[in-house]
Amino acid sequence: MTSWKLVRVIAGLLILLSLALGVPESPLFVSKYWLYFTVFIGVNLFQSGLTNWCLMENILRKLGVRAGC
């Protein structure tokens, strides 16, 4: 799997996890402050779409994941 695809998989997983932990109706609810993490991920995805730079992709490349689009 390329770094480009892994970034999207990780972002999607973290969004679902933070929603599960932050929505009061969820059986996994911990605190509403987890929703800030969802916002953080969304802002980073928005920023990477505008600038073509993504910190997570750089981290994955340094870990040896092959680059790709």
PDB file of N, CA and C in Angstrom:
ATOM      1  N   MET A   1       0.853  -1.176   0.000  1.00  0.00           N
ATOM      2  CA  MET A   1       0.000   0.000   0.000  1.00  0.00           C
ATOM      3  C   MET A   1       0.900   1.242   0.000  1.00  0.00           C
ATOM      4  N   THR A   2       0.526   2.234  -0.754  1.00  0.00           N
ATOM      5  CA  THR A   2       1.337   3.448  -0.848  1.00  0.00           C
ATOM      6  C   THR A   2       1.030   4.398   0.308  1.00  0.00           C
ATOM      7  N   SER A   3       1.932   5.343   0.529  1.00  0.00           N
ATOM      8  CA  SER A   3       1.755   6.316   1.610  1.00  0.00           C
ATOM      9  C   SER A   3       0.487   7.137   1.416  1.00  0.00           C
ATOM     10  N   TRP A   4       0.154   7.429   0.174  1.00  0.00           N
ATOM     11  CA  TRP A   4      -1.051   8.214  -0.142  1.00  0.00           C
ATOM     12  C   TRP A   4      -2.299   7.494   0.341  1.00  0.00           C
ATOM     13  N   LYS A   5      -2.387   6.200   0.072  1.00  0.00           N
ATOM     14  CA  LYS A   5      -3.553   5.429   0.489  1.00  0.00           C
ATOM     15  C   LYS A   5      -3.569   5.233   2.003  1.00  0.00           C
ATOM     16  N   LEU A   6      -2.410   4.982   2.581  1.00  0.00           N
ATOM     17  CA  LEU A   6      -2.339   4.781   4.027  1.00  0.00           C
ATOM     18  C   LEU A   6      -2.757   6.019   4.799  1.00  0.00           C
ATOM     19  N   VAL A   7      -2.420   7.195   4.308  1.00  0.00           N
ATOM     20  CA  VAL A   7      -2.833   8.439   4.974  1.00  0.00           C
ATOM     21  C   VAL A   7      -4.350   8.501   5.049  1.00  0.00           C
ATOM     22  N   ARG A   8      -5.022   8.168   3.969  1.00  0.00           N
ATOM     23  CA  ARG A   8      -6.480   8.231   3.950  1.00  0.00           C
ATOM     24  C   ARG A   8      -7.109   7.154   4.838  1.00  0.00           C
ATOM     25  N   VAL A   9      -6.509   5.969   4.861  1.00  0.00           N
ATOM     26  CA  VAL A   9      -7.009   4.898   5.724  1.00  0.00           C
ATOM     27  C   VAL A   9      -6.846   5.283   7.196  1.00  0.00           C
ATOM     28  N   ILE A  10      -5.678   5.801   7.553  1.00  0.00           N
ATOM     29  CA  ILE A  10      -5.415   6.209   8.934  1.00  0.00           C
ATOM     30  C   ILE A  10      -6.329   7.357   9.335  1.00  0.00           C
ATOM     31  N   ALA A  11      -6.491   8.346   8.460  1.00  0.00           N
ATOM     32  CA  ALA A  11      -7.368   9.484   8.764  1.00  0.00           C
ATOM     33  C   ALA A  11      -8.806   9.014   8.968  1.00  0.00           C
ATOM     34  N   GLY A  12      -9.291   8.157   8.110  1.00  0.00           N
ATOM     35  CA  GLY A  12     -10.650   7.642   8.248  1.00  0.00           C
ATOM     36  C   GLY A  12     -10.834   6.864   9.532  1.00  0.00           C
ATOM     37  N   LEU A  13      -9.863   6.033   9.861  1.00  0.00           N
ATOM     38  CA  LEU A  13      -9.926   5.255  11.098  1.00  0.00           C
ATOM     39  C   LEU A  13      -9.921   6.159  12.327  1.00  0.00           C
ATOM     40  N   LEU A  14      -9.060   7.168  12.322  1.00  0.00           N
ATOM     41  CA  LEU A  14      -8.993   8.076  13.467  1.00  0.00           C
ATOM     42  C   LEU A  14     -10.248   8.928  13.600  1.00  0.00           C
ATOM     43  N   ILE A  15     -10.849   9.309  12.489  1.00  0.00           N
ATOM     44  CA  ILE A  15     -12.106  10.065  12.545  1.00  0.00           C
ATOM     45  C   ILE A  15     -13.208   9.202  13.156  1.00  0.00           C
ATOM     46  N   LEU A  16     -13.323   7.959  12.698  1.00  0.00           N
ATOM     47  CA  LEU A  16     -14.343   7.075  13.256  1.00  0.00           C
ATOM     48  C   LEU A  16     -14.107   6.809  14.737  1.00  0.00           C
ATOM     49  N   LEU A  17     -12.851   6.605  15.113  1.00  0.00           N
ATOM     50  CA  LEU A  17     -12.527   6.370  16.523  1.00  0.00           C
ATOM     51  C   LEU A  17     -12.846   7.585  17.384  1.00  0.00           C
ATOM     52  N   SER A  18     -12.461   8.770  16.921  1.00  0.00           N
ATOM     53  CA  SER A  18     -12.720   9.970  17.716  1.00  0.00           C
ATOM     54  C   SER A  18     -14.211  10.275  17.813  1.00  0.00           C
ATOM     55  N   LEU A  19     -14.971   9.948  16.771  1.00  0.00           N
ATOM     56  CA  LEU A  19     -16.427  10.106  16.854  1.00  0.00           C
ATOM     57  C   LEU A  19     -17.027   9.113  17.846  1.00  0.00           C
ATOM     58  N   ALA A  20     -16.532   7.879  17.828  1.00  0.00           N
ATOM     59  CA  ALA A  20     -17.033   6.871  18.761  1.00  0.00           C
ATOM     60  C   ALA A  20     -16.737   7.271  20.212  1.00  0.00           C
ATOM     61  N   LEU A  21     -15.606   7.920  20.434  1.00  0.00           N
ATOM     62  CA  LEU A  21     -15.230   8.326  21.790  1.00  0.00           C
ATOM     63  C   LEU A  21     -15.820   9.675  22.191  1.00  0.00           C
ATOM     64  N   GLY A  22     -16.308  10.464  21.224  1.00  0.00           N
ATOM     65  CA  GLY A  22     -16.747  11.818  21.524  1.00  0.00           C
ATOM     66  C   GLY A  22     -18.234  12.092  21.433  1.00  0.00           C
ATOM     67  N   VAL A  23     -18.992  11.197  20.827  1.00  0.00           N
ATOM     68  CA  VAL A  23     -20.440  11.401  20.695  1.00  0.00           C
ATOM     69  C   VAL A  23     -21.134  10.760  21.897  1.00  0.00           C
ATOM     70  N   PRO A  24     -21.896  11.544  22.652  1.00  0.00           N
ATOM     71  CA  PRO A  24     -22.522  11.018  23.875  1.00  0.00           C
ATOM     72  C   PRO A  24     -23.414   9.787  23.665  1.00  0.00           C
ATOM     73  N   GLU A  25     -24.004   9.629  22.503  1.00  0.00           N
ATOM     74  CA  GLU A  25     -24.875   8.486  22.241  1.00  0.00           C
ATOM     75  C   GLU A  25     -24.108   7.208  21.947  1.00  0.00           C
ATOM     76  N   SER A  26     -22.791   7.301  21.785  1.00  0.00           N
ATOM     77  CA  SER A  26     -21.972   6.136  21.468  1.00  0.00           C
ATOM     78  C   SER A  26     -21.755   5.273  22.716  1.00  0.00           C
ATOM     79  N   PRO A  27     -21.750   3.957  22.540  1.00  0.00           N
ATOM     80  CA  PRO A  27     -21.463   3.090  23.693  1.00  0.00           C
ATOM     81  C   PRO A  27     -20.014   3.196  24.170  1.00  0.00           C
ATOM     82  N   LEU A  28     -19.145   3.772  23.351  1.00  0.00           N
ATOM     83  CA  LEU A  28     -17.740   3.938  23.721  1.00  0.00           C
ATOM     84  C   LEU A  28     -17.430   5.344  24.223  1.00  0.00           C
ATOM     85  N   PHE A  29     -18.450   6.144  24.467  1.00  0.00           N
ATOM     86  CA  PHE A  29     -18.271   7.556  24.842  1.00  0.00           C
ATOM     87  C   PHE A  29     -17.329   7.713  26.030  1.00  0.00           C
ATOM     88  N   VAL A  30     -16.378   8.642  25.886  1.00  0.00           N
ATOM     89  CA  VAL A  30     -15.449   8.986  26.956  1.00  0.00           C
ATOM     90  C   VAL A  30     -15.612  10.455  27.332  1.00  0.00           C
ATOM     91  N   SER A  31     -15.490  11.335  26.325  1.00  0.00           N
ATOM     92  CA  SER A  31     -15.579  12.765  26.564  1.00  0.00           C
ATOM     93  C   SER A  31     -15.906  13.478  25.257  1.00  0.00           C
ATOM     94  N   LYS A  32     -16.656  14.560  25.361  1.00  0.00           N
ATOM     95  CA  LYS A  32     -16.991  15.327  24.154  1.00  0.00           C
ATOM     96  C   LYS A  32     -15.753  15.995  23.551  1.00  0.00           C
ATOM     97  N   TYR A  33     -14.684  16.096  24.325  1.00  0.00           N
ATOM     98  CA  TYR A  33     -13.463  16.734  23.829  1.00  0.00           C
ATOM     99  C   TYR A  33     -12.762  15.917  22.747  1.00  0.00           C
ATOM    100  N   TRP A  34     -13.128  14.649  22.599  1.00  0.00           N
ATOM    101  CA  TRP A  34     -12.589  13.854  21.496  1.00  0.00           C
ATOM    102  C   TRP A  34     -13.024  14.416  20.145  1.00  0.00           C
ATOM    103  N   LEU A  35     -14.108  15.178  20.115  1.00  0.00           N
ATOM    104  CA  LEU A  35     -14.567  15.765  18.855  1.00  0.00           C
ATOM    105  C   LEU A  35     -13.578  16.804  18.330  1.00  0.00           C
ATOM    106  N   TYR A  36     -12.787  17.396  19.213  1.00  0.00           N
ATOM    107  CA  TYR A  36     -11.743  18.321  18.765  1.00  0.00           C
ATOM    108  C   TYR A  36     -10.693  17.589  17.929  1.00  0.00           C
ATOM    109  N   PHE A  37     -10.453  16.339  18.253  1.00  0.00           N
ATOM    110  CA  PHE A  37      -9.517  15.538  17.466  1.00  0.00           C
ATOM    111  C   PHE A  37     -10.066  15.324  16.052  1.00  0.00           C
ATOM    112  N   THR A  38     -11.379  15.116  15.945  1.00  0.00           N
ATOM    113  CA  THR A  38     -12.023  14.992  14.643  1.00  0.00           C
ATOM    114  C   THR A  38     -11.823  16.268  13.826  1.00  0.00           C
ATOM    115  N   VAL A  39     -11.996  17.409  14.472  1.00  0.00           N
ATOM    116  CA  VAL A  39     -11.787  18.700  13.810  1.00  0.00           C
ATOM    117  C   VAL A  39     -10.331  18.839  13.370  1.00  0.00           C
ATOM    118  N   PHE A  40      -9.392  18.458  14.230  1.00  0.00           N
ATOM    119  CA  PHE A  40      -7.968  18.527  13.914  1.00  0.00           C
ATOM    120  C   PHE A  40      -7.646  17.716  12.658  1.00  0.00           C
ATOM    121  N   ILE A  41      -8.178  16.507  12.568  1.00  0.00           N
ATOM    122  CA  ILE A  41      -7.928  15.658  11.406  1.00  0.00           C
ATOM    123  C   ILE A  41      -8.543  16.286  10.144  1.00  0.00           C
ATOM    124  N   GLY A  42      -9.755  16.806  10.273  1.00  0.00           N
ATOM    125  CA  GLY A  42     -10.406  17.448   9.133  1.00  0.00           C
ATOM    126  C   GLY A  42      -9.634  18.650   8.624  1.00  0.00           C
ATOM    127  N   VAL A  43      -9.145  19.469   9.544  1.00  0.00           N
ATOM    128  CA  VAL A  43      -8.351  20.645   9.162  1.00  0.00           C
ATOM    129  C   VAL A  43      -7.073  20.210   8.459  1.00  0.00           C
ATOM    130  N   ASN A  44      -6.428  19.150   8.960  1.00  0.00           N
ATOM    131  CA  ASN A  44      -5.210  18.669   8.319  1.00  0.00           C
ATOM    132  C   ASN A  44      -5.479  18.111   6.922  1.00  0.00           C
ATOM    133  N   LEU A  45      -6.590  17.411   6.746  1.00  0.00           N
ATOM    134  CA  LEU A  45      -6.944  16.916   5.412  1.00  0.00           C
ATOM    135  C   LEU A  45      -7.220  18.072   4.457  1.00  0.00           C
ATOM    136  N   PHE A  46      -7.934  19.093   4.943  1.00  0.00           N
ATOM    137  CA  PHE A  46      -8.217  20.278   4.143  1.00  0.00           C
ATOM    138  C   PHE A  46      -6.920  20.976   3.747  1.00  0.00           C
ATOM    139  N   GLN A  47      -6.032  21.175   4.718  1.00  0.00           N
ATOM    140  CA  GLN A  47      -4.753  21.837   4.464  1.00  0.00           C
ATOM    141  C   GLN A  47      -3.919  21.049   3.459  1.00  0.00           C
ATOM    142  N   SER A  48      -3.884  19.713   3.594  1.00  0.00           N
ATOM    143  CA  SER A  48      -3.065  18.930   2.673  1.00  0.00           C
ATOM    144  C   SER A  48      -3.645  18.956   1.258  1.00  0.00           C
ATOM    145  N   GLY A  49      -4.956  19.090   1.151  1.00  0.00           N
ATOM    146  CA  GLY A  49      -5.571  19.208  -0.172  1.00  0.00           C
ATOM    147  C   GLY A  49      -5.212  20.507  -0.862  1.00  0.00           C
ATOM    148  N   LEU A  50      -5.030  21.566  -0.072  1.00  0.00           N
ATOM    149  CA  LEU A  50      -4.686  22.867  -0.657  1.00  0.00           C
ATOM    150  C   LEU A  50      -3.197  23.017  -0.931  1.00  0.00           C
ATOM    151  N   THR A  51      -2.359  22.431  -0.083  1.00  0.00           N
ATOM    152  CA  THR A  51      -0.918  22.675  -0.183  1.00  0.00           C
ATOM    153  C   THR A  51      -0.126  21.511  -0.759  1.00  0.00           C
ATOM    154  N   ASN A  52      -0.762  20.333  -0.913  1.00  0.00           N
ATOM    155  CA  ASN A  52      -0.057  19.121  -1.356  1.00  0.00           C
ATOM    156  C   ASN A  52       1.065  18.718  -0.419  1.00  0.00           C
ATOM    157  N   TRP A  53       0.952  19.054   0.860  1.00  0.00           N
ATOM    158  CA  TRP A  53       1.920  18.647   1.876  1.00  0.00           C
ATOM    159  C   TRP A  53       1.170  18.023   3.040  1.00  0.00           C
ATOM    160  N   CYS A  54       1.620  16.848   3.473  1.00  0.00           N
ATOM    161  CA  CYS A  54       0.953  16.142   4.555  1.00  0.00           C
ATOM    162  C   CYS A  54       2.010  15.566   5.491  1.00  0.00           C
ATOM    163  N   LEU A  55       1.953  15.948   6.754  1.00  0.00           N
ATOM    164  CA  LEU A  55       2.921  15.475   7.736  1.00  0.00           C
ATOM    165  C   LEU A  55       2.859  13.961   7.888  1.00  0.00           C
ATOM    166  N   MET A  56       1.661  13.389   7.944  1.00  0.00           N
ATOM    167  CA  MET A  56       1.530  11.936   8.096  1.00  0.00           C
ATOM    168  C   MET A  56       2.180  11.198   6.933  1.00  0.00           C
ATOM    169  N   GLU A  57       2.047  11.730   5.745  1.00  0.00           N
ATOM    170  CA  GLU A  57       2.673  11.092   4.584  1.00  0.00           C
ATOM    171  C   GLU A  57       4.189  11.139   4.696  1.00  0.00           C
ATOM    172  N   ASN A  58       4.730  12.250   5.181  1.00  0.00           N
ATOM    173  CA  ASN A  58       6.176  12.349   5.390  1.00  0.00           C
ATOM    174  C   ASN A  58       6.648  11.344   6.435  1.00  0.00           C
ATOM    175  N   ILE A  59       5.888  11.193   7.500  1.00  0.00           N
ATOM    176  CA  ILE A  59       6.238  10.227   8.556  1.00  0.00           C
ATOM    177  C   ILE A  59       6.221   8.814   7.996  1.00  0.00           C
ATOM    178  N   LEU A  60       5.193   8.488   7.229  1.00  0.00           N
ATOM    179  CA  LEU A  60       5.100   7.145   6.647  1.00  0.00           C
ATOM    180  C   LEU A  60       6.248   6.870   5.690  1.00  0.00           C
ATOM    181  N   ARG A  61       6.632   7.844   4.905  1.00  0.00           N
ATOM    182  CA  ARG A  61       7.763   7.669   3.982  1.00  0.00           C
ATOM    183  C   ARG A  61       9.056   7.411   4.742  1.00  0.00           C
ATOM    184  N   LYS A  62       9.264   8.118   5.864  1.00  0.00           N
ATOM    185  CA  LYS A  62      10.464   7.899   6.678  1.00  0.00           C
ATOM    186  C   LYS A  62      10.454   6.522   7.329  1.00  0.00           C
ATOM    187  N   LEU A  63       9.261   5.950   7.510  1.00  0.00           N
ATOM    188  CA  LEU A  63       9.136   4.603   8.078  1.00  0.00           C
ATOM    189  C   LEU A  63       9.305   3.526   7.000  1.00  0.00           C
ATOM    190  N   GLY A  64       9.499   3.955   5.755  1.00  0.00           N
ATOM    191  CA  GLY A  64       9.780   3.012   4.684  1.00  0.00           C
ATOM    192  C   GLY A  64       8.627   2.672   3.783  1.00  0.00           C
ATOM    193  N   VAL A  65       7.471   3.314   3.973  1.00  0.00           N
ATOM    194  CA  VAL A  65       6.336   3.072   3.083  1.00  0.00           C
ATOM    195  C   VAL A  65       6.615   3.772   1.763  1.00  0.00           C
ATOM    196  N   ARG A  66       6.361   3.071   0.668  1.00  0.00           N
ATOM    197  CA  ARG A  66       6.677   3.666  -0.637  1.00  0.00           C
ATOM    198  C   ARG A  66       5.705   4.793  -0.974  1.00  0.00           C
ATOM    199  N   ALA A  67       6.239   5.809  -1.602  1.00  0.00           N
ATOM    200  CA  ALA A  67       5.430   6.956  -2.013  1.00  0.00           C
ATOM    201  C   ALA A  67       4.566   6.559  -3.196  1.00  0.00           C
ATOM    202  N   GLY A  68       3.490   7.255  -3.362  1.00  0.00           N
ATOM    203  CA  GLY A  68       2.617   6.985  -4.503  1.00  0.00           C
ATOM    204  C   GLY A  68       1.400   7.883  -4.463  1.00  0.00           C
ATOM    205  N   CYS A  69       0.700   7.950  -5.597  1.00  0.00           N
ATOM    206  CA  CYS A  69      -0.526   8.750  -5.650  1.00  0.00           C
ATOM    207  C   CYS A  69      -1.633   8.040  -6.318  1.00  0.00           C
TER     208      CYS A  69
END
